[in-house]
Amino acid sequence: MTEETAIETARQTWPEAEGFEPVRGGWTFRVGGGYAWITAAGRVASDPEGLRSHAQRRMPAN
């Protein structure tokens, strides 16, 4: 998945998503007052985390 596709896919769940940063296995991004993730396979977090590092740790392997 390209970053552009990841952004489009994440925004289907989180329209306010911004600040995408690549991490191993996907990307993390800001949503409201927290952070969420999307894997390279297209799986998107259903709940935000308080810190970007927490979102990255909760991101499953593809």
C-alpha atoms as a PDB file:
ATOM      1  CA  MET A   1       0.000   0.000   0.000  1.00  0.00           C
ATOM      2  CA  THR A   2       1.302   3.468  -0.818  1.00  0.00           C
ATOM      3  CA  GLU A   3       1.120   6.314   1.663  1.00  0.00           C
ATOM      4  CA  GLU A   4      -1.495   8.025  -0.507  1.00  0.00           C
ATOM      5  CA  THR A   5      -3.698   4.922  -0.443  1.00  0.00           C
ATOM      6  CA  ALA A   6      -3.156   4.574   3.311  1.00  0.00           C
ATOM      7  CA  ILE A   7      -4.305   8.147   3.850  1.00  0.00           C
ATOM      8  CA  GLU A   8      -7.416   7.648   1.705  1.00  0.00           C
ATOM      9  CA  THR A   9      -8.254   4.372   3.450  1.00  0.00           C
ATOM     10  CA  ALA A  10      -7.695   5.764   6.957  1.00  0.00           C
ATOM     11  CA  ARG A  11      -9.908   8.763   6.187  1.00  0.00           C
ATOM     12  CA  GLN A  12     -12.807   6.435   5.380  1.00  0.00           C
ATOM     13  CA  THR A  13     -12.821   5.605   9.111  1.00  0.00           C
ATOM     14  CA  TRP A  14     -11.252   8.802  10.446  1.00  0.00           C
ATOM     15  CA  PRO A  15     -12.153  11.780   8.168  1.00  0.00           C
ATOM     16  CA  GLU A  16     -10.162  14.130  10.415  1.00  0.00           C
ATOM     17  CA  ALA A  17      -6.924  12.078  10.115  1.00  0.00           C
ATOM     18  CA  GLU A  18      -3.761  14.122   9.587  1.00  0.00           C
ATOM     19  CA  GLY A  19      -0.047  14.043  10.330  1.00  0.00           C
ATOM     20  CA  PHE A  20       0.689  10.606   8.876  1.00  0.00           C
ATOM     21  CA  GLU A  21       4.080   9.167   9.823  1.00  0.00           C
ATOM     22  CA  PRO A  22       5.510   5.908   8.501  1.00  0.00           C
ATOM     23  CA  VAL A  23       6.339   3.205  11.051  1.00  0.00           C
ATOM     24  CA  ARG A  24       7.272  -0.449  10.691  1.00  0.00           C
ATOM     25  CA  GLY A  25       4.269  -2.172   9.145  1.00  0.00           C
ATOM     26  CA  GLY A  26       2.186   0.929   8.366  1.00  0.00           C
ATOM     27  CA  TRP A  27       1.537   4.492   9.482  1.00  0.00           C
ATOM     28  CA  THR A  28       0.382   6.360  12.570  1.00  0.00           C
ATOM     29  CA  PHE A  29      -1.678   9.548  12.375  1.00  0.00           C
ATOM     30  CA  ARG A  30      -3.452  12.167  14.489  1.00  0.00           C
ATOM     31  CA  VAL A  31      -7.196  11.963  15.092  1.00  0.00           C
ATOM     32  CA  GLY A  32      -8.882  14.483  17.353  1.00  0.00           C
ATOM     33  CA  GLY A  33      -6.981  14.446  20.629  1.00  0.00           C
ATOM     34  CA  GLY A  34      -5.101  11.196  20.029  1.00  0.00           C
ATOM     35  CA  TYR A  35      -3.400   8.921  17.529  1.00  0.00           C
ATOM     36  CA  ALA A  36      -4.442   5.924  15.467  1.00  0.00           C
ATOM     37  CA  TRP A  37      -2.785   3.544  13.008  1.00  0.00           C
ATOM     38  CA  ILE A  38      -3.248   1.853   9.649  1.00  0.00           C
ATOM     39  CA  THR A  39      -1.299  -1.249   8.660  1.00  0.00           C
ATOM     40  CA  ALA A  40       0.325  -1.715   5.266  1.00  0.00           C
ATOM     41  CA  ALA A  41      -2.424  -4.288   4.616  1.00  0.00           C
ATOM     42  CA  GLY A  42      -5.132  -1.649   5.169  1.00  0.00           C
ATOM     43  CA  ARG A  43      -6.377  -2.527   8.671  1.00  0.00           C
ATOM     44  CA  VAL A  44      -7.387   0.667  10.533  1.00  0.00           C
ATOM     45  CA  ALA A  45      -7.551   1.284  14.280  1.00  0.00           C
ATOM     46  CA  SER A  46     -11.073   1.509  15.664  1.00  0.00           C
ATOM     47  CA  ASP A  47     -10.056   3.429  18.801  1.00  0.00           C
ATOM     48  CA  PRO A  48      -7.488   6.211  19.193  1.00  0.00           C
ATOM     49  CA  GLU A  49      -4.602   6.115  21.666  1.00  0.00           C
ATOM     50  CA  GLY A  50      -3.292   8.990  23.764  1.00  0.00           C
ATOM     51  CA  LEU A  51       0.231   8.993  22.324  1.00  0.00           C
ATOM     52  CA  ARG A  52       1.658   8.180  18.905  1.00  0.00           C
ATOM     53  CA  SER A  53       3.985   5.612  20.511  1.00  0.00           C
ATOM     54  CA  HIS A  54       0.996   3.850  22.078  1.00  0.00           C
ATOM     55  CA  ALA A  55      -0.752   3.671  18.715  1.00  0.00           C
ATOM     56  CA  GLN A  56       2.366   2.209  17.162  1.00  0.00           C
ATOM     57  CA  ARG A  57       2.654  -0.451  19.876  1.00  0.00           C
ATOM     58  CA  ARG A  58      -0.988  -1.471  19.449  1.00  0.00           C
ATOM     59  CA  MET A  59      -0.708  -1.770  15.664  1.00  0.00           C
ATOM     60  CA  PRO A  60      -0.968  -5.470  14.787  1.00  0.00           C
ATOM     61  CA  ALA A  61       1.324  -7.266  12.382  1.00  0.00           C
ATOM     62  CA  ASN A  62      -0.249  -7.307   8.937  1.00  0.00           C
END
